[in-house]
Amino acid sequence: MSKDFYTAIKERRSHYSINKDVTVTDERIKEIVEFAVKHTPSSFNSQSTRVVVLTGEAHDKLWDITTATLKKVVGDGDFSGTQQKMDSFKAGYGSVLFFEDEEVVKSLQEQFALYADNFPIWSNQTNAMHQFVIWTALEAEGLGASLQHYNPLIDDEVKQEWNIPANWKLIAQMPFGNPTAPAGEKEFLPLEDRVKFFK
């Protein structure tokens, strides 16, 4: 990694202005994602998170699908603002799709009935950790990303287009690319209101 851990966490931000002009290789992106999926923790070591990486035409197709789907929802309404957002995501180099394998969650619910209600919650927490690790690792390589949630509107077409198993539930989409503008300012609430220490 080109940045230390603390710096990567600090500089990980939402980048909405990105393009396809990246210097990070596809092999490095693959290495980052596979490392994250292998080593990010999960409840009961369930390893329930599934990840799909789209680049090139596949990445463009994702945002064409999303655009067409949203146009149906908006109907005759003003689509210009949404179109700008779709264009900004499509302008990126790739997208990471985050899924949870619902069969794994269901199996854990059956094995540990006492905790059955908690497993979907823990599954989402597991997925969120994967999102954070991959996002931060991409930042460490100089890439910009943001996290989007156009599920469940696009779920069926995404599964059909890339032959995704029916039991994989789409959780989030992360377009990434070369950042072309700085991230917006970020304000912080006082830490003394958010953290407590006891001895």
N, C-alpha and C. Protein backbone atom coordinates (compact mmCIF):
# COMPACT_ATOMS: atom_id res chain seq x y z
N MET A 1 0.84 -1.19 0.00
CA MET A 1 0.00 0.00 0.00
C MET A 1 0.88 1.25 0.00
N SER A 2 0.39 2.27 -0.70
CA SER A 2 1.18 3.49 -0.81
C SER A 2 0.96 4.43 0.36
N LYS A 3 -0.01 4.17 1.25
CA LYS A 3 -0.27 5.00 2.42
C LYS A 3 -0.32 4.12 3.66
N ASP A 4 0.05 4.72 4.82
CA ASP A 4 -0.09 3.95 6.05
C ASP A 4 -1.56 3.84 6.44
N PHE A 5 -1.85 2.96 7.38
CA PHE A 5 -3.23 2.62 7.74
C PHE A 5 -4.01 3.84 8.21
N TYR A 6 -3.47 4.61 9.14
CA TYR A 6 -4.18 5.77 9.66
C TYR A 6 -4.46 6.80 8.56
N THR A 7 -3.47 7.03 7.72
CA THR A 7 -3.65 8.01 6.64
C THR A 7 -4.73 7.57 5.67
N ALA A 8 -4.73 6.29 5.33
CA ALA A 8 -5.74 5.77 4.40
C ALA A 8 -7.14 5.92 4.98
N ILE A 9 -7.29 5.65 6.29
CA ILE A 9 -8.60 5.81 6.93
C ILE A 9 -9.01 7.28 6.92
N LYS A 10 -8.08 8.15 7.28
CA LYS A 10 -8.37 9.58 7.34
C LYS A 10 -8.76 10.15 5.98
N GLU A 11 -8.08 9.70 4.94
CA GLU A 11 -8.30 10.27 3.61
C GLU A 11 -9.36 9.54 2.80
N ARG A 12 -9.90 8.44 3.34
CA ARG A 12 -10.99 7.76 2.65
C ARG A 12 -12.23 8.63 2.72
N ARG A 13 -12.68 9.07 1.56
CA ARG A 13 -13.80 9.99 1.47
C ARG A 13 -14.69 9.58 0.30
N SER A 14 -15.85 10.21 0.21
CA SER A 14 -16.73 9.99 -0.94
C SER A 14 -16.29 10.88 -2.09
N HIS A 15 -15.88 10.25 -3.18
CA HIS A 15 -15.47 10.98 -4.38
C HIS A 15 -16.53 10.74 -5.47
N TYR A 16 -17.17 11.83 -5.88
CA TYR A 16 -18.21 11.74 -6.90
C TYR A 16 -17.71 12.17 -8.27
N SER A 17 -16.55 12.82 -8.30
CA SER A 17 -15.96 13.25 -9.56
C SER A 17 -14.77 12.32 -9.86
N ILE A 18 -14.99 11.35 -10.72
CA ILE A 18 -13.97 10.36 -11.05
C ILE A 18 -13.95 10.11 -12.55
N ASN A 19 -12.82 9.57 -13.04
CA ASN A 19 -12.78 9.18 -14.44
C ASN A 19 -12.07 7.85 -14.60
N LYS A 20 -11.91 7.42 -15.84
CA LYS A 20 -11.35 6.10 -16.13
C LYS A 20 -9.82 6.09 -16.23
N ASP A 21 -9.21 7.23 -16.01
CA ASP A 21 -7.76 7.37 -16.21
C ASP A 21 -7.01 6.92 -14.96
N VAL A 22 -7.01 5.61 -14.71
CA VAL A 22 -6.35 5.08 -13.51
C VAL A 22 -5.01 4.44 -13.89
N THR A 23 -4.09 4.48 -12.93
CA THR A 23 -2.78 3.85 -13.14
C THR A 23 -2.67 2.52 -12.39
N VAL A 24 -3.64 2.25 -11.52
CA VAL A 24 -3.66 0.98 -10.79
C VAL A 24 -4.08 -0.13 -11.75
N THR A 25 -3.36 -1.23 -11.77
CA THR A 25 -3.65 -2.31 -12.71
C THR A 25 -4.86 -3.12 -12.25
N ASP A 26 -5.47 -3.81 -13.21
CA ASP A 26 -6.57 -4.72 -12.87
C ASP A 26 -6.10 -5.81 -11.92
N GLU A 27 -4.86 -6.24 -12.09
CA GLU A 27 -4.31 -7.28 -11.21
C GLU A 27 -4.23 -6.78 -9.77
N ARG A 28 -3.85 -5.52 -9.59
CA ARG A 28 -3.78 -4.95 -8.25
C ARG A 28 -5.17 -4.80 -7.63
N ILE A 29 -6.13 -4.37 -8.43
CA ILE A 29 -7.51 -4.25 -7.95
C ILE A 29 -8.02 -5.61 -7.52
N LYS A 30 -7.74 -6.63 -8.31
CA LYS A 30 -8.15 -8.00 -7.97
C LYS A 30 -7.50 -8.44 -6.67
N GLU A 31 -6.22 -8.12 -6.51
CA GLU A 31 -5.50 -8.48 -5.29
C GLU A 31 -6.13 -7.81 -4.07
N ILE A 32 -6.48 -6.54 -4.19
CA ILE A 32 -7.10 -5.80 -3.09
C ILE A 32 -8.41 -6.44 -2.68
N VAL A 33 -9.26 -6.71 -3.66
CA VAL A 33 -10.59 -7.26 -3.36
C VAL A 33 -10.49 -8.66 -2.77
N GLU A 34 -9.64 -9.49 -3.34
CA GLU A 34 -9.51 -10.85 -2.83
C GLU A 34 -8.92 -10.87 -1.42
N PHE A 35 -7.96 -9.98 -1.16
CA PHE A 35 -7.38 -9.87 0.19
C PHE A 35 -8.46 -9.47 1.19
N ALA A 36 -9.26 -8.48 0.81
CA ALA A 36 -10.31 -7.99 1.70
C ALA A 36 -11.34 -9.08 1.99
N VAL A 37 -11.78 -9.77 0.96
CA VAL A 37 -12.80 -10.81 1.15
C VAL A 37 -12.26 -11.95 1.99
N LYS A 38 -10.99 -12.26 1.84
CA LYS A 38 -10.40 -13.36 2.62
C LYS A 38 -10.21 -13.00 4.08
N HIS A 39 -9.79 -11.76 4.36
CA HIS A 39 -9.33 -11.44 5.71
C HIS A 39 -10.28 -10.56 6.52
N THR A 40 -11.32 -10.00 5.92
CA THR A 40 -12.26 -9.20 6.69
C THR A 40 -13.10 -10.11 7.59
N PRO A 41 -13.26 -9.76 8.85
CA PRO A 41 -13.99 -10.65 9.77
C PRO A 41 -15.48 -10.73 9.46
N SER A 42 -16.09 -11.82 9.92
CA SER A 42 -17.53 -12.01 9.76
C SER A 42 -18.06 -12.75 10.99
N SER A 43 -19.31 -12.51 11.32
CA SER A 43 -19.90 -13.16 12.49
C SER A 43 -19.91 -14.67 12.33
N PHE A 44 -19.51 -15.37 13.38
CA PHE A 44 -19.43 -16.83 13.36
C PHE A 44 -18.53 -17.34 12.24
N ASN A 45 -17.62 -16.48 11.76
CA ASN A 45 -16.79 -16.80 10.61
C ASN A 45 -17.65 -17.30 9.44
N SER A 46 -18.78 -16.64 9.27
CA SER A 46 -19.74 -17.07 8.25
C SER A 46 -19.24 -16.89 6.83
N GLN A 47 -18.37 -15.89 6.62
CA GLN A 47 -17.84 -15.58 5.28
C GLN A 47 -18.98 -15.46 4.27
N SER A 48 -20.00 -14.70 4.67
CA SER A 48 -21.23 -14.60 3.88
C SER A 48 -21.18 -13.54 2.79
N THR A 49 -20.21 -12.65 2.84
CA THR A 49 -20.14 -11.57 1.85
C THR A 49 -19.65 -12.10 0.50
N ARG A 50 -20.28 -11.62 -0.56
CA ARG A 50 -19.89 -11.94 -1.92
C ARG A 50 -19.63 -10.62 -2.66
N VAL A 51 -18.64 -10.61 -3.51
CA VAL A 51 -18.25 -9.37 -4.20
C VAL A 51 -18.11 -9.63 -5.70
N VAL A 52 -18.63 -8.71 -6.49
CA VAL A 52 -18.48 -8.75 -7.95
C VAL A 52 -17.84 -7.44 -8.37
N VAL A 53 -16.77 -7.52 -9.17
CA VAL A 53 -16.09 -6.32 -9.67
C VAL A 53 -16.37 -6.18 -11.16
N LEU A 54 -16.86 -5.02 -11.54
CA LEU A 54 -17.17 -4.73 -12.93
C LEU A 54 -16.25 -3.63 -13.43
N THR A 55 -15.59 -3.85 -14.55
CA THR A 55 -14.79 -2.81 -15.20
C THR A 55 -15.15 -2.79 -16.68
N GLY A 56 -14.61 -1.80 -17.40
CA GLY A 56 -14.83 -1.74 -18.84
C GLY A 56 -16.30 -1.66 -19.20
N GLU A 57 -16.69 -2.43 -20.20
CA GLU A 57 -18.07 -2.41 -20.68
C GLU A 57 -19.06 -2.87 -19.62
N ALA A 58 -18.63 -3.79 -18.75
CA ALA A 58 -19.53 -4.28 -17.70
C ALA A 58 -19.87 -3.16 -16.71
N HIS A 59 -18.88 -2.36 -16.36
CA HIS A 59 -19.12 -1.21 -15.48
C HIS A 59 -20.09 -0.23 -16.13
N ASP A 60 -19.85 0.10 -17.39
CA ASP A 60 -20.75 1.02 -18.10
C ASP A 60 -22.16 0.46 -18.16
N LYS A 61 -22.28 -0.85 -18.37
CA LYS A 61 -23.58 -1.50 -18.47
C LYS A 61 -24.36 -1.37 -17.16
N LEU A 62 -23.65 -1.49 -16.04
CA LEU A 62 -24.33 -1.37 -14.74
C LEU A 62 -25.05 -0.03 -14.63
N TRP A 63 -24.36 1.03 -15.02
CA TRP A 63 -24.97 2.36 -14.85
C TRP A 63 -25.98 2.66 -15.94
N ASP A 64 -25.88 1.99 -17.08
CA ASP A 64 -26.95 2.07 -18.09
C ASP A 64 -28.21 1.40 -17.56
N ILE A 65 -28.04 0.25 -16.92
CA ILE A 65 -29.17 -0.47 -16.32
C ILE A 65 -29.82 0.40 -15.25
N THR A 66 -28.99 0.98 -14.39
CA THR A 66 -29.51 1.80 -13.29
C THR A 66 -30.23 3.02 -13.82
N THR A 67 -29.65 3.65 -14.84
CA THR A 67 -30.28 4.83 -15.44
C THR A 67 -31.65 4.49 -16.03
N ALA A 68 -31.70 3.42 -16.80
CA ALA A 68 -32.97 3.01 -17.43
C ALA A 68 -34.02 2.67 -16.38
N THR A 69 -33.59 2.01 -15.31
CA THR A 69 -34.52 1.63 -14.24
C THR A 69 -35.07 2.87 -13.55
N LEU A 70 -34.21 3.82 -13.25
CA LEU A 70 -34.65 5.03 -12.55
C LEU A 70 -35.55 5.90 -13.44
N LYS A 71 -35.30 5.89 -14.75
CA LYS A 71 -36.16 6.65 -15.66
C LYS A 71 -37.59 6.12 -15.62
N LYS A 72 -37.73 4.81 -15.47
CA LYS A 72 -39.07 4.22 -15.35
C LYS A 72 -39.74 4.68 -14.07
N VAL A 73 -38.98 4.81 -13.01
CA VAL A 73 -39.54 5.22 -11.73
C VAL A 73 -39.95 6.70 -11.77
N VAL A 74 -39.10 7.53 -12.34
CA VAL A 74 -39.37 8.97 -12.40
C VAL A 74 -40.49 9.30 -13.38
N GLY A 75 -40.57 8.51 -14.44
CA GLY A 75 -41.60 8.76 -15.44
C GLY A 75 -41.38 10.07 -16.17
N ASP A 76 -42.39 10.92 -16.18
CA ASP A 76 -42.30 12.19 -16.90
C ASP A 76 -41.65 13.30 -16.06
N GLY A 77 -41.20 12.98 -14.86
CA GLY A 77 -40.59 13.99 -14.01
C GLY A 77 -39.21 14.42 -14.51
N ASP A 78 -38.67 15.46 -13.89
CA ASP A 78 -37.36 15.99 -14.27
C ASP A 78 -36.27 14.98 -13.88
N PHE A 79 -35.53 14.50 -14.87
CA PHE A 79 -34.51 13.47 -14.65
C PHE A 79 -33.10 14.05 -14.71
N SER A 80 -32.97 15.34 -14.93
CA SER A 80 -31.65 15.92 -15.21
C SER A 80 -30.66 15.73 -14.06
N GLY A 81 -31.12 15.95 -12.83
CA GLY A 81 -30.23 15.78 -11.69
C GLY A 81 -29.76 14.35 -11.53
N THR A 82 -30.70 13.42 -11.67
CA THR A 82 -30.37 12.00 -11.57
C THR A 82 -29.45 11.58 -12.71
N GLN A 83 -29.68 12.12 -13.91
CA GLN A 83 -28.83 11.78 -15.05
C GLN A 83 -27.39 12.21 -14.80
N GLN A 84 -27.22 13.37 -14.18
CA GLN A 84 -25.87 13.84 -13.86
C GLN A 84 -25.17 12.87 -12.91
N LYS A 85 -25.91 12.38 -11.91
CA LYS A 85 -25.33 11.42 -10.97
C LYS A 85 -24.95 10.14 -11.69
N MET A 86 -25.84 9.64 -12.54
CA MET A 86 -25.57 8.40 -13.27
C MET A 86 -24.34 8.56 -14.16
N ASP A 87 -24.25 9.72 -14.82
CA ASP A 87 -23.11 9.98 -15.70
C ASP A 87 -21.80 10.03 -14.90
N SER A 88 -21.88 10.60 -13.67
CA SER A 88 -20.67 10.70 -12.86
C SER A 88 -20.19 9.32 -12.41
N PHE A 89 -21.11 8.42 -12.11
CA PHE A 89 -20.72 7.06 -11.71
C PHE A 89 -20.16 6.30 -12.91
N LYS A 90 -20.84 6.43 -14.04
CA LYS A 90 -20.41 5.73 -15.26
C LYS A 90 -19.04 6.24 -15.73
N ALA A 91 -18.71 7.48 -15.42
CA ALA A 91 -17.42 8.05 -15.84
C ALA A 91 -16.25 7.37 -15.15
N GLY A 92 -16.51 6.63 -14.06
CA GLY A 92 -15.46 5.95 -13.34
C GLY A 92 -14.90 4.75 -14.08
N TYR A 93 -13.90 4.14 -13.46
CA TYR A 93 -13.21 3.00 -14.08
C TYR A 93 -13.93 1.69 -13.84
N GLY A 94 -14.54 1.55 -12.66
CA GLY A 94 -15.18 0.29 -12.33
C GLY A 94 -16.16 0.45 -11.19
N SER A 95 -16.81 -0.66 -10.86
CA SER A 95 -17.75 -0.69 -9.74
C SER A 95 -17.58 -2.00 -8.99
N VAL A 96 -17.64 -1.89 -7.67
CA VAL A 96 -17.64 -3.07 -6.82
C VAL A 96 -19.06 -3.29 -6.32
N LEU A 97 -19.61 -4.47 -6.56
CA LEU A 97 -20.95 -4.80 -6.08
C LEU A 97 -20.81 -5.70 -4.85
N PHE A 98 -21.51 -5.33 -3.79
CA PHE A 98 -21.45 -6.09 -2.54
C PHE A 98 -22.77 -6.85 -2.35
N PHE A 99 -22.64 -8.14 -2.09
CA PHE A 99 -23.78 -9.01 -1.87
C PHE A 99 -23.63 -9.75 -0.55
N GLU A 100 -24.74 -10.27 -0.04
CA GLU A 100 -24.71 -11.24 1.06
C GLU A 100 -25.39 -12.52 0.58
N ASP A 101 -24.76 -13.65 0.90
CA ASP A 101 -25.32 -14.95 0.53
C ASP A 101 -26.38 -15.32 1.56
N GLU A 102 -27.64 -15.23 1.17
CA GLU A 102 -28.74 -15.47 2.10
C GLU A 102 -28.84 -16.94 2.52
N GLU A 103 -28.29 -17.83 1.73
CA GLU A 103 -28.29 -19.24 2.12
C GLU A 103 -27.39 -19.45 3.34
N VAL A 104 -26.28 -18.74 3.38
CA VAL A 104 -25.37 -18.84 4.53
C VAL A 104 -26.07 -18.31 5.77
N VAL A 105 -26.74 -17.18 5.64
CA VAL A 105 -27.45 -16.59 6.78
C VAL A 105 -28.55 -17.52 7.27
N LYS A 106 -29.32 -18.07 6.35
CA LYS A 106 -30.40 -18.98 6.70
C LYS A 106 -29.87 -20.22 7.41
N SER A 107 -28.75 -20.74 6.93
CA SER A 107 -28.15 -21.92 7.55
C SER A 107 -27.74 -21.64 9.00
N LEU A 108 -27.18 -20.47 9.24
CA LEU A 108 -26.79 -20.10 10.60
C LEU A 108 -28.01 -19.92 11.49
N GLN A 109 -29.08 -19.38 10.93
CA GLN A 109 -30.32 -19.23 11.70
C GLN A 109 -30.86 -20.59 12.14
N GLU A 110 -30.73 -21.57 11.27
CA GLU A 110 -31.21 -22.91 11.59
C GLU A 110 -30.31 -23.60 12.60
N GLN A 111 -28.99 -23.38 12.48
CA GLN A 111 -28.04 -24.02 13.39
C GLN A 111 -28.08 -23.42 14.79
N PHE A 112 -28.30 -22.10 14.85
CA PHE A 112 -28.26 -21.39 16.12
C PHE A 112 -29.56 -20.61 16.30
N ALA A 113 -30.64 -21.35 16.54
CA ALA A 113 -31.98 -20.76 16.57
C ALA A 113 -32.11 -19.65 17.61
N LEU A 114 -31.35 -19.74 18.69
CA LEU A 114 -31.43 -18.74 19.74
C LEU A 114 -31.05 -17.35 19.22
N TYR A 115 -30.19 -17.31 18.21
CA TYR A 115 -29.72 -16.04 17.66
C TYR A 115 -30.32 -15.73 16.29
N ALA A 116 -31.35 -16.45 15.92
CA ALA A 116 -31.87 -16.36 14.55
C ALA A 116 -32.18 -14.94 14.10
N ASP A 117 -32.78 -14.16 14.98
CA ASP A 117 -33.15 -12.79 14.62
C ASP A 117 -31.94 -11.89 14.39
N ASN A 118 -30.82 -12.27 14.98
CA ASN A 118 -29.63 -11.42 14.90
C ASN A 118 -28.80 -11.64 13.64
N PHE A 119 -28.92 -12.82 13.03
CA PHE A 119 -28.02 -13.12 11.91
C PHE A 119 -28.17 -12.18 10.72
N PRO A 120 -29.39 -11.74 10.33
CA PRO A 120 -29.46 -10.75 9.26
C PRO A 120 -28.77 -9.43 9.62
N ILE A 121 -28.86 -9.04 10.89
CA ILE A 121 -28.19 -7.82 11.35
C ILE A 121 -26.69 -8.00 11.27
N TRP A 122 -26.20 -9.12 11.79
CA TRP A 122 -24.76 -9.38 11.76
C TRP A 122 -24.25 -9.52 10.33
N SER A 123 -25.10 -10.04 9.46
CA SER A 123 -24.73 -10.16 8.05
C SER A 123 -24.49 -8.78 7.44
N ASN A 124 -25.38 -7.83 7.73
CA ASN A 124 -25.19 -6.47 7.22
C ASN A 124 -23.94 -5.82 7.80
N GLN A 125 -23.66 -6.10 9.08
CA GLN A 125 -22.45 -5.56 9.69
C GLN A 125 -21.21 -6.15 9.02
N THR A 126 -21.26 -7.43 8.72
CA THR A 126 -20.16 -8.08 8.00
C THR A 126 -19.93 -7.43 6.65
N ASN A 127 -21.02 -7.19 5.93
CA ASN A 127 -20.91 -6.58 4.61
C ASN A 127 -20.33 -5.17 4.71
N ALA A 128 -20.76 -4.43 5.73
CA ALA A 128 -20.26 -3.07 5.91
C ALA A 128 -18.76 -3.06 6.15
N MET A 129 -18.26 -4.05 6.90
CA MET A 129 -16.81 -4.12 7.11
C MET A 129 -16.08 -4.36 5.81
N HIS A 130 -16.62 -5.21 4.96
CA HIS A 130 -16.01 -5.45 3.64
C HIS A 130 -16.00 -4.17 2.81
N GLN A 131 -17.10 -3.44 2.86
CA GLN A 131 -17.17 -2.17 2.13
C GLN A 131 -16.08 -1.22 2.59
N PHE A 132 -15.93 -1.11 3.91
CA PHE A 132 -14.94 -0.19 4.46
C PHE A 132 -13.52 -0.61 4.10
N VAL A 133 -13.22 -1.89 4.22
CA VAL A 133 -11.87 -2.36 3.93
C VAL A 133 -11.52 -2.12 2.46
N ILE A 134 -12.41 -2.48 1.57
CA ILE A 134 -12.14 -2.31 0.14
C ILE A 134 -12.05 -0.82 -0.21
N TRP A 135 -12.97 -0.03 0.31
CA TRP A 135 -12.97 1.41 0.06
C TRP A 135 -11.66 2.04 0.51
N THR A 136 -11.22 1.69 1.72
CA THR A 136 -9.99 2.25 2.27
C THR A 136 -8.77 1.78 1.50
N ALA A 137 -8.77 0.51 1.09
CA ALA A 137 -7.65 -0.02 0.31
C ALA A 137 -7.57 0.66 -1.06
N LEU A 138 -8.71 0.93 -1.68
CA LEU A 138 -8.71 1.66 -2.95
C LEU A 138 -8.16 3.07 -2.74
N GLU A 139 -8.56 3.71 -1.65
CA GLU A 139 -8.04 5.04 -1.32
C GLU A 139 -6.52 5.00 -1.16
N ALA A 140 -6.03 3.95 -0.50
CA ALA A 140 -4.59 3.83 -0.28
C ALA A 140 -3.82 3.74 -1.59
N GLU A 141 -4.48 3.29 -2.65
CA GLU A 141 -3.86 3.20 -3.97
C GLU A 141 -4.07 4.47 -4.80
N GLY A 142 -4.71 5.48 -4.19
CA GLY A 142 -4.93 6.73 -4.90
C GLY A 142 -6.21 6.79 -5.70
N LEU A 143 -7.10 5.82 -5.50
CA LEU A 143 -8.37 5.81 -6.21
C LEU A 143 -9.46 6.46 -5.38
N GLY A 144 -10.46 7.01 -6.05
CA GLY A 144 -11.60 7.61 -5.36
C GLY A 144 -12.83 6.75 -5.57
N ALA A 145 -13.71 6.72 -4.56
CA ALA A 145 -14.91 5.88 -4.64
C ALA A 145 -16.03 6.52 -3.84
N SER A 146 -17.23 6.02 -4.05
CA SER A 146 -18.38 6.40 -3.22
C SER A 146 -19.25 5.16 -3.07
N LEU A 147 -20.17 5.20 -2.13
CA LEU A 147 -21.04 4.05 -1.87
C LEU A 147 -22.47 4.40 -2.25
N GLN A 148 -23.07 3.58 -3.10
CA GLN A 148 -24.41 3.83 -3.61
C GLN A 148 -25.34 2.66 -3.27
N HIS A 149 -26.65 2.95 -3.26
CA HIS A 149 -27.64 1.92 -2.91
C HIS A 149 -28.84 2.04 -3.84
N TYR A 150 -28.71 1.44 -5.02
CA TYR A 150 -29.83 1.43 -5.96
C TYR A 150 -30.54 0.08 -5.95
N ASN A 151 -30.19 -0.76 -5.01
CA ASN A 151 -30.93 -1.97 -4.73
C ASN A 151 -32.15 -1.59 -3.86
N PRO A 152 -33.28 -2.26 -3.96
CA PRO A 152 -33.51 -3.46 -4.77
C PRO A 152 -34.00 -3.17 -6.19
N LEU A 153 -34.03 -1.89 -6.60
CA LEU A 153 -34.58 -1.56 -7.91
C LEU A 153 -33.88 -2.28 -9.05
N ILE A 154 -32.55 -2.44 -8.93
CA ILE A 154 -31.79 -3.01 -10.05
C ILE A 154 -31.44 -4.48 -9.86
N ASP A 155 -31.87 -5.06 -8.75
CA ASP A 155 -31.41 -6.41 -8.39
C ASP A 155 -31.64 -7.45 -9.48
N ASP A 156 -32.87 -7.53 -9.95
CA ASP A 156 -33.22 -8.60 -10.90
C ASP A 156 -32.41 -8.50 -12.18
N GLU A 157 -32.29 -7.30 -12.72
CA GLU A 157 -31.57 -7.14 -13.99
C GLU A 157 -30.07 -7.37 -13.81
N VAL A 158 -29.53 -6.96 -12.67
CA VAL A 158 -28.12 -7.20 -12.39
C VAL A 158 -27.85 -8.70 -12.30
N LYS A 159 -28.70 -9.41 -11.60
CA LYS A 159 -28.53 -10.86 -11.47
C LYS A 159 -28.62 -11.55 -12.82
N GLN A 160 -29.55 -11.09 -13.64
CA GLN A 160 -29.72 -11.70 -14.96
C GLN A 160 -28.53 -11.39 -15.87
N GLU A 161 -28.05 -10.14 -15.85
CA GLU A 161 -26.98 -9.72 -16.74
C GLU A 161 -25.68 -10.45 -16.46
N TRP A 162 -25.36 -10.66 -15.18
CA TRP A 162 -24.07 -11.28 -14.84
C TRP A 162 -24.21 -12.66 -14.19
N ASN A 163 -25.38 -13.27 -14.36
CA ASN A 163 -25.60 -14.64 -13.89
C ASN A 163 -25.26 -14.79 -12.41
N ILE A 164 -25.78 -13.88 -11.61
CA ILE A 164 -25.56 -13.88 -10.17
C ILE A 164 -26.51 -14.89 -9.52
N PRO A 165 -26.02 -15.71 -8.60
CA PRO A 165 -26.90 -16.68 -7.94
C PRO A 165 -28.10 -16.00 -7.27
N ALA A 166 -29.23 -16.68 -7.30
CA ALA A 166 -30.47 -16.11 -6.77
C ALA A 166 -30.38 -15.81 -5.28
N ASN A 167 -29.56 -16.57 -4.55
CA ASN A 167 -29.46 -16.40 -3.10
C ASN A 167 -28.49 -15.29 -2.69
N TRP A 168 -27.88 -14.59 -3.66
CA TRP A 168 -27.02 -13.45 -3.34
C TRP A 168 -27.89 -12.20 -3.31
N LYS A 169 -27.92 -11.53 -2.18
CA LYS A 169 -28.70 -10.31 -2.02
C LYS A 169 -27.80 -9.09 -2.21
N LEU A 170 -28.16 -8.22 -3.15
CA LEU A 170 -27.37 -7.02 -3.42
C LEU A 170 -27.53 -6.03 -2.28
N ILE A 171 -26.40 -5.55 -1.75
CA ILE A 171 -26.40 -4.64 -0.62
C ILE A 171 -25.99 -3.22 -1.02
N ALA A 172 -24.96 -3.10 -1.87
CA ALA A 172 -24.45 -1.77 -2.21
C ALA A 172 -23.62 -1.83 -3.48
N GLN A 173 -23.43 -0.65 -4.08
CA GLN A 173 -22.61 -0.51 -5.27
C GLN A 173 -21.56 0.57 -5.01
N MET A 174 -20.31 0.31 -5.40
CA MET A 174 -19.23 1.25 -5.16
C MET A 174 -18.51 1.59 -6.46
N PRO A 175 -18.93 2.67 -7.15
CA PRO A 175 -18.18 3.11 -8.32
C PRO A 175 -16.84 3.71 -7.89
N PHE A 176 -15.79 3.41 -8.65
CA PHE A 176 -14.47 3.94 -8.30
C PHE A 176 -13.71 4.34 -9.57
N GLY A 177 -12.71 5.18 -9.37
CA GLY A 177 -11.89 5.62 -10.49
C GLY A 177 -10.86 6.63 -10.04
N ASN A 178 -10.29 7.31 -10.99
CA ASN A 178 -9.32 8.35 -10.70
C ASN A 178 -10.05 9.60 -10.23
N PRO A 179 -9.77 10.09 -8.99
CA PRO A 179 -10.47 11.28 -8.52
C PRO A 179 -10.03 12.51 -9.30
N THR A 180 -11.00 13.30 -9.75
CA THR A 180 -10.70 14.48 -10.56
C THR A 180 -11.01 15.77 -9.82
N ALA A 181 -11.48 15.66 -8.59
CA ALA A 181 -11.75 16.84 -7.75
C ALA A 181 -11.63 16.41 -6.30
N PRO A 182 -11.25 17.32 -5.41
CA PRO A 182 -11.14 16.95 -4.01
C PRO A 182 -12.51 16.64 -3.41
N ALA A 183 -12.51 15.81 -2.38
CA ALA A 183 -13.75 15.52 -1.67
C ALA A 183 -14.20 16.77 -0.92
N GLY A 184 -15.49 16.84 -0.63
CA GLY A 184 -16.02 17.99 0.09
C GLY A 184 -15.50 18.05 1.52
N GLU A 185 -15.69 19.20 2.15
CA GLU A 185 -15.26 19.37 3.53
C GLU A 185 -16.07 18.44 4.44
N LYS A 186 -15.43 18.00 5.52
CA LYS A 186 -16.08 17.10 6.46
C LYS A 186 -15.99 17.69 7.86
N GLU A 187 -17.11 17.79 8.55
CA GLU A 187 -17.13 18.32 9.90
C GLU A 187 -17.20 17.15 10.90
N PHE A 188 -16.63 17.37 12.06
CA PHE A 188 -16.58 16.32 13.08
C PHE A 188 -17.24 16.80 14.36
N LEU A 189 -18.11 15.96 14.93
CA LEU A 189 -18.68 16.25 16.23
C LEU A 189 -17.60 16.06 17.29
N PRO A 190 -17.71 16.72 18.43
CA PRO A 190 -16.69 16.57 19.47
C PRO A 190 -16.55 15.12 19.93
N LEU A 191 -15.32 14.66 20.01
CA LEU A 191 -15.08 13.27 20.41
C LEU A 191 -15.56 12.99 21.82
N GLU A 192 -15.52 14.00 22.69
CA GLU A 192 -15.96 13.76 24.07
C GLU A 192 -17.45 13.47 24.15
N ASP A 193 -18.20 13.81 23.09
CA ASP A 193 -19.62 13.48 23.04
C ASP A 193 -19.87 12.11 22.41
N ARG A 194 -18.82 11.51 21.87
CA ARG A 194 -18.99 10.27 21.09
C ARG A 194 -18.23 9.09 21.67
N VAL A 195 -17.26 9.35 22.55
CA VAL A 195 -16.42 8.27 23.09
C VAL A 195 -16.33 8.43 24.60
N LYS A 196 -16.44 7.32 25.32
CA LYS A 196 -16.28 7.33 26.77
C LYS A 196 -15.24 6.29 27.17
N PHE A 197 -14.42 6.63 28.14
CA PHE A 197 -13.41 5.72 28.68
C PHE A 197 -13.66 5.52 30.18
N PHE A 198 -13.58 4.29 30.61
CA PHE A 198 -13.73 3.99 32.03
C PHE A 198 -12.59 3.10 32.49
N LYS A 199 -12.25 3.21 33.75
CA LYS A 199 -11.14 2.43 34.28
C LYS A 199 -11.51 1.80 35.61
